[in-house]
Structure formats: structure tokens, C-alpha cells
Amino acid sequence: MADFKPGEMDVTVQEKTFAGFINFTKYSVVVIICTLIFMALVNG
């Protein structure tokens, strides 16, 4: 097995993927909350 040396791996792709996932999650939550508020007002 290769010697593991912390901090040497290039993680830029993983960081971009994680940032994209976080942004997608934020916008999804906002859309879901807005949809629920809209449904509560229309059904009201």
C-alpha cells in the first residue's frame, strides 16, 4: 500500500462538487418553503 501523506491530495474537484451540492440544497429548501407558504395561503 502506498504511503499516505496528509495534505498532498488535490481536492479542488471535491470542493467544487461539495459547494455545488450545498448551493443546490439551499435553493431547493427555499423553493420548498415558498411552495408550502403558497399552498397554505391558497388553501387558507
PDB file of N, CA and C in Angstrom:
ATOM      1  N   MET A   1       0.836  -1.174   0.000  1.00  0.00           N
ATOM      2  CA  MET A   1       0.000   0.000   0.000  1.00  0.00           C
ATOM      3  C   MET A   1       0.884   1.241   0.000  1.00  0.00           C
ATOM      4  N   ALA A   2       0.470   2.249  -0.706  1.00  0.00           N
ATOM      5  CA  ALA A   2       1.256   3.480  -0.814  1.00  0.00           C
ATOM      6  C   ALA A   2       1.271   4.221   0.521  1.00  0.00           C
ATOM      7  N   ASP A   3       2.342   4.957   0.728  1.00  0.00           N
ATOM      8  CA  ASP A   3       2.439   5.763   1.946  1.00  0.00           C
ATOM      9  C   ASP A   3       1.465   6.930   1.858  1.00  0.00           C
ATOM     10  N   PHE A   4       0.703   7.134   2.916  1.00  0.00           N
ATOM     11  CA  PHE A   4      -0.267   8.229   2.962  1.00  0.00           C
ATOM     12  C   PHE A   4       0.389   9.444   3.590  1.00  0.00           C
ATOM     13  N   LYS A   5       0.307  10.564   2.879  1.00  0.00           N
ATOM     14  CA  LYS A   5       0.852  11.815   3.391  1.00  0.00           C
ATOM     15  C   LYS A   5      -0.267  12.849   3.389  1.00  0.00           C
ATOM     16  N   PRO A   6      -0.754  13.228   4.570  1.00  0.00           N
ATOM     17  CA  PRO A   6      -1.865  14.170   4.659  1.00  0.00           C
ATOM     18  C   PRO A   6      -1.543  15.499   3.981  1.00  0.00           C
ATOM     19  N   GLY A   7      -2.535  16.027   3.269  1.00  0.00           N
ATOM     20  CA  GLY A   7      -2.391  17.341   2.661  1.00  0.00           C
ATOM     21  C   GLY A   7      -1.811  17.351   1.264  1.00  0.00           C
ATOM     22  N   GLU A   8      -1.492  16.191   0.684  1.00  0.00           N
ATOM     23  CA  GLU A   8      -0.888  16.175  -0.641  1.00  0.00           C
ATOM     24  C   GLU A   8      -1.890  15.923  -1.766  1.00  0.00           C
ATOM     25  N   MET A   9      -3.073  15.471  -1.441  1.00  0.00           N
ATOM     26  CA  MET A   9      -4.050  15.147  -2.475  1.00  0.00           C
ATOM     27  C   MET A   9      -4.727  16.421  -2.979  1.00  0.00           C
ATOM     28  N   ASP A  10      -4.939  16.496  -4.289  1.00  0.00           N
ATOM     29  CA  ASP A  10      -5.637  17.636  -4.880  1.00  0.00           C
ATOM     30  C   ASP A  10      -7.136  17.433  -4.705  1.00  0.00           C
ATOM     31  N   VAL A  11      -7.772  18.298  -3.925  1.00  0.00           N
ATOM     32  CA  VAL A  11      -9.191  18.126  -3.607  1.00  0.00           C
ATOM     33  C   VAL A  11     -10.055  19.229  -4.216  1.00  0.00           C
ATOM     34  N   THR A  12      -9.564  19.916  -5.234  1.00  0.00           N
ATOM     35  CA  THR A  12     -10.345  21.019  -5.799  1.00  0.00           C
ATOM     36  C   THR A  12     -11.641  20.527  -6.428  1.00  0.00           C
ATOM     37  N   VAL A  13     -11.619  19.372  -7.066  1.00  0.00           N
ATOM     38  CA  VAL A  13     -12.834  18.838  -7.684  1.00  0.00           C
ATOM     39  C   VAL A  13     -13.858  18.483  -6.608  1.00  0.00           C
ATOM     40  N   GLN A  14     -13.410  17.876  -5.524  1.00  0.00           N
ATOM     41  CA  GLN A  14     -14.321  17.532  -4.435  1.00  0.00           C
ATOM     42  C   GLN A  14     -14.901  18.789  -3.800  1.00  0.00           C
ATOM     43  N   GLU A  15     -14.085  19.833  -3.648  1.00  0.00           N
ATOM     44  CA  GLU A  15     -14.570  21.080  -3.065  1.00  0.00           C
ATOM     45  C   GLU A  15     -15.622  21.725  -3.958  1.00  0.00           C
ATOM     46  N   LYS A  16     -15.412  21.704  -5.276  1.00  0.00           N
ATOM     47  CA  LYS A  16     -16.394  22.260  -6.206  1.00  0.00           C
ATOM     48  C   LYS A  16     -17.695  21.468  -6.163  1.00  0.00           C
ATOM     49  N   THR A  17     -17.581  20.149  -6.096  1.00  0.00           N
ATOM     50  CA  THR A  17     -18.768  19.299  -6.023  1.00  0.00           C
ATOM     51  C   THR A  17     -19.547  19.571  -4.741  1.00  0.00           C
ATOM     52  N   PHE A  18     -18.837  19.680  -3.626  1.00  0.00           N
ATOM     53  CA  PHE A  18     -19.497  19.946  -2.351  1.00  0.00           C
ATOM     54  C   PHE A  18     -20.161  21.311  -2.364  1.00  0.00           C
ATOM     55  N   ALA A  19     -19.492  22.326  -2.913  1.00  0.00           N
ATOM     56  CA  ALA A  19     -20.074  23.659  -2.996  1.00  0.00           C
ATOM     57  C   ALA A  19     -21.334  23.644  -3.868  1.00  0.00           C
ATOM     58  N   GLY A  20     -21.296  22.909  -4.959  1.00  0.00           N
ATOM     59  CA  GLY A  20     -22.476  22.785  -5.807  1.00  0.00           C
ATOM     60  C   GLY A  20     -23.617  22.093  -5.094  1.00  0.00           C
ATOM     61  N   PHE A  21     -23.306  21.056  -4.333  1.00  0.00           N
ATOM     62  CA  PHE A  21     -24.328  20.356  -3.563  1.00  0.00           C
ATOM     63  C   PHE A  21     -24.955  21.274  -2.523  1.00  0.00           C
ATOM     64  N   ILE A  22     -24.145  22.055  -1.838  1.00  0.00           N
ATOM     65  CA  ILE A  22     -24.654  22.984  -0.823  1.00  0.00           C
ATOM     66  C   ILE A  22     -25.558  24.030  -1.470  1.00  0.00           C
ATOM     67  N   ASN A  23     -25.140  24.588  -2.606  1.00  0.00           N
ATOM     68  CA  ASN A  23     -25.968  25.579  -3.299  1.00  0.00           C
ATOM     69  C   ASN A  23     -27.286  24.971  -3.759  1.00  0.00           C
ATOM     70  N   PHE A  24     -27.238  23.765  -4.322  1.00  0.00           N
ATOM     71  CA  PHE A  24     -28.451  23.087  -4.756  1.00  0.00           C
ATOM     72  C   PHE A  24     -29.397  22.867  -3.576  1.00  0.00           C
ATOM     73  N   THR A  25     -28.839  22.463  -2.440  1.00  0.00           N
ATOM     74  CA  THR A  25     -29.649  22.224  -1.250  1.00  0.00           C
ATOM     75  C   THR A  25     -30.289  23.512  -0.745  1.00  0.00           C
ATOM     76  N   LYS A  26     -29.517  24.592  -0.722  1.00  0.00           N
ATOM     77  CA  LYS A  26     -30.064  25.878  -0.268  1.00  0.00           C
ATOM     78  C   LYS A  26     -31.238  26.312  -1.122  1.00  0.00           C
ATOM     79  N   TYR A  27     -31.060  26.287  -2.445  1.00  0.00           N
ATOM     80  CA  TYR A  27     -32.131  26.726  -3.332  1.00  0.00           C
ATOM     81  C   TYR A  27     -33.329  25.793  -3.280  1.00  0.00           C
ATOM     82  N   SER A  28     -33.088  24.512  -3.113  1.00  0.00           N
ATOM     83  CA  SER A  28     -34.188  23.563  -3.003  1.00  0.00           C
ATOM     84  C   SER A  28     -35.023  23.834  -1.757  1.00  0.00           C
ATOM     85  N   VAL A  29     -34.364  24.100  -0.643  1.00  0.00           N
ATOM     86  CA  VAL A  29     -35.079  24.388   0.601  1.00  0.00           C
ATOM     87  C   VAL A  29     -35.902  25.664   0.450  1.00  0.00           C
ATOM     88  N   VAL A  30     -35.344  26.679  -0.181  1.00  0.00           N
ATOM     89  CA  VAL A  30     -36.076  27.929  -0.390  1.00  0.00           C
ATOM     90  C   VAL A  30     -37.313  27.687  -1.252  1.00  0.00           C
ATOM     91  N   VAL A  31     -37.164  26.925  -2.330  1.00  0.00           N
ATOM     92  CA  VAL A  31     -38.295  26.635  -3.210  1.00  0.00           C
ATOM     93  C   VAL A  31     -39.357  25.836  -2.465  1.00  0.00           C
ATOM     94  N   ILE A  32     -38.960  24.859  -1.671  1.00  0.00           N
ATOM     95  CA  ILE A  32     -39.921  24.049  -0.922  1.00  0.00           C
ATOM     96  C   ILE A  32     -40.675  24.904   0.087  1.00  0.00           C
ATOM     97  N   ILE A  33     -39.966  25.760   0.809  1.00  0.00           N
ATOM     98  CA  ILE A  33     -40.625  26.622   1.793  1.00  0.00           C
ATOM     99  C   ILE A  33     -41.591  27.574   1.113  1.00  0.00           C
ATOM    100  N   CYS A  34     -41.169  28.167   0.011  1.00  0.00           N
ATOM    101  CA  CYS A  34     -42.063  29.077  -0.722  1.00  0.00           C
ATOM    102  C   CYS A  34     -43.296  28.338  -1.240  1.00  0.00           C
ATOM    103  N   THR A  35     -43.108  27.124  -1.713  1.00  0.00           N
ATOM    104  CA  THR A  35     -44.241  26.326  -2.190  1.00  0.00           C
ATOM    105  C   THR A  35     -45.208  26.023  -1.052  1.00  0.00           C
ATOM    106  N   LEU A  36     -44.696  25.672   0.107  1.00  0.00           N
ATOM    107  CA  LEU A  36     -45.561  25.385   1.251  1.00  0.00           C
ATOM    108  C   LEU A  36     -46.319  26.625   1.704  1.00  0.00           C
ATOM    109  N   ILE A  37     -45.647  27.771   1.720  1.00  0.00           N
ATOM    110  CA  ILE A  37     -46.318  29.022   2.093  1.00  0.00           C
ATOM    111  C   ILE A  37     -47.406  29.354   1.075  1.00  0.00           C
ATOM    112  N   PHE A  38     -47.099  29.208  -0.191  1.00  0.00           N
ATOM    113  CA  PHE A  38     -48.090  29.468  -1.245  1.00  0.00           C
ATOM    114  C   PHE A  38     -49.301  28.552  -1.091  1.00  0.00           C
ATOM    115  N   MET A  39     -49.042  27.269  -0.850  1.00  0.00           N
ATOM    116  CA  MET A  39     -50.140  26.318  -0.681  1.00  0.00           C
ATOM    117  C   MET A  39     -50.987  26.655   0.537  1.00  0.00           C
ATOM    118  N   ALA A  40     -50.364  27.107   1.620  1.00  0.00           N
ATOM    119  CA  ALA A  40     -51.111  27.473   2.829  1.00  0.00           C
ATOM    120  C   ALA A  40     -51.968  28.704   2.576  1.00  0.00           C
ATOM    121  N   LEU A  41     -51.456  29.668   1.801  1.00  0.00           N
ATOM    122  CA  LEU A  41     -52.221  30.887   1.516  1.00  0.00           C
ATOM    123  C   LEU A  41     -53.382  30.615   0.566  1.00  0.00           C
ATOM    124  N   VAL A  42     -53.175  29.769  -0.413  1.00  0.00           N
ATOM    125  CA  VAL A  42     -54.226  29.469  -1.391  1.00  0.00           C
ATOM    126  C   VAL A  42     -55.312  28.612  -0.755  1.00  0.00           C
ATOM    127  N   ASN A  43     -54.922  27.675   0.073  1.00  0.00           N
ATOM    128  CA  ASN A  43     -55.874  26.762   0.701  1.00  0.00           C
ATOM    129  C   ASN A  43     -56.638  27.425   1.844  1.00  0.00           C
ATOM    130  N   GLY A  44     -56.057  28.466   2.407  1.00  0.00           N
ATOM    131  CA  GLY A  44     -56.449  29.133   3.569  1.00  0.00           C
ATOM    132  C   GLY A  44     -57.771  29.418   3.980  1.00  0.00           C
TER     133      GLY A  44
END
